[in-house]
Protein backbone atom coordinates (compact mmCIF):
# COMPACT_ATOMS: atom_id res chain seq x y z
CA MET A 1 35.06 -44.46 37.32
CA THR A 2 36.05 -40.91 38.13
CA MET A 3 35.00 -38.95 41.14
CA PRO A 4 33.08 -35.72 40.58
CA ARG A 5 35.18 -32.60 40.98
CA ARG A 6 34.49 -30.21 43.76
CA SER A 7 33.08 -26.93 42.57
CA ARG A 8 35.16 -23.82 43.15
CA LEU A 9 32.07 -21.70 42.84
CA THR A 10 31.11 -19.87 46.01
CA LEU A 11 27.48 -18.91 46.25
CA PRO A 12 26.33 -15.83 48.10
CA PRO A 13 24.36 -16.57 51.26
CA LEU A 14 20.59 -16.65 51.01
CA ASP A 15 18.47 -14.56 53.33
CA MET A 16 15.83 -17.07 54.43
CA GLY A 17 14.66 -14.95 57.36
CA GLU A 18 15.00 -15.83 61.01
CA GLU A 19 12.55 -18.72 60.87
CA THR A 20 13.79 -22.19 59.93
CA ILE A 21 11.77 -24.36 57.56
CA GLY A 22 10.73 -26.55 60.48
CA GLN A 23 9.62 -23.56 62.53
CA ARG A 24 7.68 -22.28 59.51
CA ILE A 25 5.91 -25.63 59.07
CA ALA A 26 5.00 -25.68 62.77
CA ARG A 27 3.70 -22.11 62.61
CA LEU A 28 1.62 -22.76 59.50
CA ARG A 29 0.23 -25.98 61.00
CA LYS A 30 -0.81 -24.16 64.18
CA GLU A 31 -2.30 -21.24 62.21
CA ARG A 32 -4.48 -23.76 60.38
CA GLY A 33 -5.52 -25.38 63.67
CA TYR A 34 -4.02 -28.80 62.89
CA THR A 35 -2.36 -31.11 65.36
CA GLN A 36 0.74 -32.97 64.24
CA ILE A 37 -1.38 -36.11 63.95
CA GLU A 38 -3.97 -34.36 61.74
CA LEU A 39 -1.27 -32.96 59.45
CA ALA A 40 0.44 -36.35 59.26
CA ASP A 41 -2.88 -37.94 58.22
CA LYS A 42 -3.39 -35.29 55.51
CA ILE A 43 0.09 -35.91 54.12
CA GLY A 44 0.07 -39.68 54.57
CA ILE A 45 2.99 -40.02 56.99
CA VAL A 46 3.35 -40.73 60.70
CA GLN A 47 3.26 -38.04 63.41
CA ASN A 48 6.89 -38.70 64.43
CA LEU A 49 8.04 -37.49 61.02
CA ILE A 50 6.05 -34.25 61.39
CA SER A 51 7.82 -33.70 64.70
CA ASP A 52 11.22 -34.39 63.12
CA TYR A 53 10.55 -31.98 60.24
CA GLU A 54 9.35 -29.27 62.63
CA ARG A 55 12.46 -29.65 64.79
CA ASP A 56 14.67 -29.54 61.65
CA LYS A 57 15.94 -33.05 62.32
CA LEU A 58 14.97 -34.02 58.76
CA GLY A 59 15.61 -32.03 55.62
CA LEU A 60 12.74 -31.62 53.18
CA ARG A 61 12.97 -33.29 49.79
CA ALA A 62 11.17 -31.55 46.95
CA ASP A 63 8.22 -33.97 47.03
CA MET A 64 7.72 -33.36 50.75
CA VAL A 65 7.75 -29.59 50.23
CA VAL A 66 4.89 -30.07 47.77
CA ARG A 67 3.01 -32.40 50.15
CA PHE A 68 3.31 -29.92 53.04
CA ALA A 69 2.25 -27.05 50.75
CA HIS A 70 -0.86 -28.92 49.59
CA ALA A 71 -1.82 -30.04 53.11
CA LEU A 72 -1.34 -26.55 54.58
CA GLU A 73 -2.88 -24.81 51.54
CA VAL A 74 0.10 -22.55 50.92
CA SER A 75 2.64 -22.26 48.12
CA SER A 76 5.91 -24.16 48.11
CA ASP A 77 7.60 -20.76 48.26
CA GLU A 78 5.90 -20.04 51.58
CA ILE A 79 7.09 -23.38 53.00
CA LEU A 80 10.63 -22.52 51.89
CA GLY A 81 10.44 -18.94 53.15
CA LEU A 82 10.73 -17.31 49.75
CA ASN A 83 7.62 -15.13 49.98
CA GLY A 84 9.23 -12.39 52.03
CA THR A 85 7.36 -10.98 54.95
CA ARG A 86 3.66 -11.62 55.16
CA LYS A 87 1.19 -8.91 56.01
CA ASP A 88 -1.27 -9.65 58.80
CA GLY A 89 -4.23 -9.37 56.45
CA ASP A 90 -2.71 -11.87 54.01
CA SER A 91 -2.90 -14.90 56.28
CA LYS A 92 -5.69 -17.42 55.84
CA ALA A 93 -8.26 -17.71 58.57
CA SER A 94 -7.37 -20.19 61.25
CA LEU A 95 -9.01 -23.57 60.70
CA ARG A 96 -9.81 -23.64 64.42
CA LEU A 97 -11.63 -20.31 64.07
CA LEU A 98 -13.50 -21.53 60.99
CA ARG A 99 -14.61 -24.69 62.83
CA ARG A 100 -15.91 -22.64 65.74
CA THR A 101 -17.70 -20.24 63.41
CA LYS A 102 -19.45 -23.18 61.79
CA LYS A 103 -20.55 -24.46 65.21
CA ILE A 104 -21.89 -21.00 66.08
CA GLU A 105 -23.90 -20.97 62.85
CA GLU A 106 -25.47 -24.30 63.89
CA LEU A 107 -26.78 -22.84 67.18
CA PRO A 108 -30.39 -21.70 67.50
CA PRO A 109 -30.81 -17.98 66.64
CA GLY A 110 -31.31 -16.93 70.28
CA GLN A 111 -28.08 -18.58 71.42
CA GLN A 112 -26.23 -17.10 68.42
CA LYS A 113 -27.42 -13.62 69.37
CA THR A 114 -26.36 -14.06 73.02
CA LEU A 115 -22.95 -15.42 72.04
CA LEU A 116 -22.32 -12.65 69.51
CA LYS A 117 -23.24 -10.00 72.10
CA THR A 118 -20.71 -11.55 74.47
CA ILE A 119 -18.03 -11.54 71.76
CA ASP A 120 -18.84 -7.91 70.88
CA THR A 121 -18.56 -6.89 74.55
CA PHE A 122 -15.21 -8.65 74.83
CA LEU A 123 -13.88 -7.03 71.64
CA LYS A 124 -14.94 -3.55 72.79
CA GLY A 125 -13.02 -4.12 76.03
CA ALA A 126 -9.96 -5.22 74.06
CA GLU A 127 -9.97 -2.01 72.01
CA ARG A 128 -9.30 0.12 75.08
């Protein structure tokens, strides 16, 4: 049996941005409003592995890239950092925000109106 030869080919460095894959997974998870436990449940693994991936202690195999992409509702390219820079308007709405919006819609109309007035007042103050 012969040993494989070492390649003499030198590849140019890839510009993957400043964010590591683990940092990107953590950011996407938080943007979607998931805890590590919730993401682990969606993927079918234990929370400790999510933590290890996010801290770059484990490298992602191709099948795990796909699992993370499906669970976080992004492309594999986004997990790998191949999409370039994202524009603010391109990001999906936070799952946490969507959950709260749904709860607001379940309130009686009078409470909805009061809450929305409060939000509007706050947003007007933030514009200054």
